[in-house]
């Protein structure tokens, strides 16, 4: 189960946030995107696509807030689809390979 928590966070690229700072909105800074390997970018894209229905189903109030999506996905980690779980596992493998 811990694997899926980490994978969900990684899939949505959630940095650690303090209580005072609002979570960043929009895409990651260009420098962060440029450092990711093509395989990692592809794994992120696949995870977003595979988990999109799960996010809509389990996290309708999260909007585009990555922190809320991450929290919601942690809450529902046992409920997500097999396709989402597989994509998150592939994402973690891609992150370790980078």
Protein backbone atom coordinates (compact mmCIF):
# COMPACT_ATOMS: atom_id res chain seq x y z
CA UNK A 1 0.00 0.00 0.00
CA UNK A 2 2.84 2.42 0.74
CA UNK A 3 4.03 1.91 -2.81
CA UNK A 4 0.74 3.21 -4.16
CA UNK A 5 0.85 6.29 -1.95
CA UNK A 6 4.29 7.16 -3.22
CA UNK A 7 3.29 6.37 -6.76
CA UNK A 8 0.20 8.54 -6.57
CA UNK A 9 2.25 11.44 -5.29
CA UNK A 10 4.85 10.93 -7.97
CA UNK A 11 2.26 10.68 -10.68
CA UNK A 12 0.92 14.06 -9.89
CA UNK A 13 4.35 15.53 -9.17
CA UNK A 14 3.40 16.77 -5.74
CA UNK A 15 6.10 18.65 -3.90
CA UNK A 16 5.90 18.99 -0.13
CA UNK A 17 3.88 22.05 0.84
CA UNK A 18 3.87 24.04 4.04
CA UNK A 19 0.51 24.92 5.56
CA UNK A 20 1.10 28.61 4.79
CA UNK A 21 2.06 28.37 1.15
CA UNK A 22 -0.63 27.76 -1.45
CA UNK A 23 0.11 24.85 -3.80
CA UNK A 24 1.48 25.84 -7.21
CA UNK A 25 -0.97 25.77 -10.07
CA UNK A 26 -0.29 24.97 -13.69
CA UNK A 27 2.59 23.10 -15.29
CA UNK A 28 5.97 22.54 -13.65
CA UNK A 29 8.67 25.12 -14.37
CA UNK A 30 10.43 24.61 -17.69
CA UNK A 31 13.71 23.72 -15.98
CA UNK A 32 12.07 20.86 -14.06
CA UNK A 33 10.37 19.53 -17.20
CA UNK A 34 13.61 19.67 -19.18
CA UNK A 35 15.48 17.49 -16.66
CA UNK A 36 13.04 14.59 -17.00
CA UNK A 37 14.06 11.88 -19.41
CA UNK A 38 11.77 11.08 -22.34
CA UNK A 39 10.88 7.78 -20.63
CA UNK A 40 9.91 9.57 -17.42
CA UNK A 41 7.83 12.15 -19.29
CA UNK A 42 6.06 9.34 -21.14
CA UNK A 43 5.41 7.48 -17.87
CA UNK A 44 3.97 10.65 -16.28
CA UNK A 45 1.71 11.21 -19.26
CA UNK A 46 0.56 7.58 -19.18
CA UNK A 47 -0.18 7.81 -15.44
CA UNK A 48 -2.18 11.02 -15.88
CA UNK A 49 -4.20 9.41 -18.66
CA UNK A 50 -4.70 6.07 -16.88
CA UNK A 51 -5.67 7.71 -13.59
CA UNK A 52 -7.83 10.52 -15.00
CA UNK A 53 -11.09 8.60 -14.60
CA UNK A 54 -10.11 7.63 -11.04
CA UNK A 55 -9.41 11.27 -10.18
CA UNK A 56 -12.77 12.32 -11.62
CA UNK A 57 -14.57 9.48 -9.85
CA UNK A 58 -12.97 9.72 -6.42
CA UNK A 59 -11.80 13.35 -6.28
CA UNK A 60 -14.48 15.55 -7.90
CA UNK A 61 -13.93 18.38 -5.42
CA UNK A 62 -10.16 18.55 -5.97
CA UNK A 63 -10.42 20.61 -9.14
CA UNK A 64 -6.93 21.10 -10.56
CA UNK A 65 -5.27 21.37 -7.14
CA UNK A 66 -2.46 18.84 -7.18
CA UNK A 67 -2.22 18.75 -3.38
CA UNK A 68 -5.91 17.91 -3.05
CA UNK A 69 -5.66 15.30 -5.81
CA UNK A 70 -2.71 13.68 -4.06
CA UNK A 71 -4.51 13.63 -0.72
CA UNK A 72 -7.63 12.20 -2.33
CA UNK A 73 -5.71 9.54 -4.23
CA UNK A 74 -3.97 8.51 -1.00
CA UNK A 75 -7.39 8.14 0.61
CA UNK A 76 -8.64 5.99 -2.29
CA UNK A 77 -5.41 4.14 -3.08
CA UNK A 78 -7.11 0.78 -2.69
CA UNK A 79 -10.00 1.78 -4.94
CA UNK A 80 -8.19 2.94 -8.08
CA UNK A 81 -8.43 0.96 -11.30
CA UNK A 82 -5.93 -1.69 -12.28
CA UNK A 83 -4.84 0.46 -15.22
CA UNK A 84 -4.05 3.33 -12.85
CA UNK A 85 -2.14 1.05 -10.46
CA UNK A 86 -0.12 -0.36 -13.37
CA UNK A 87 0.65 3.10 -14.75
CA UNK A 88 1.76 4.29 -11.31
CA UNK A 89 4.02 1.24 -10.94
CA UNK A 90 5.54 2.00 -14.36
CA UNK A 91 6.03 5.61 -13.32
CA UNK A 92 7.89 4.58 -10.18
CA UNK A 93 10.11 2.27 -12.25
CA UNK A 94 10.83 5.12 -14.68
CA UNK A 95 11.71 7.44 -11.80
CA UNK A 96 14.14 4.91 -10.37
CA UNK A 97 15.73 4.42 -13.79
CA UNK A 98 16.41 8.10 -14.29
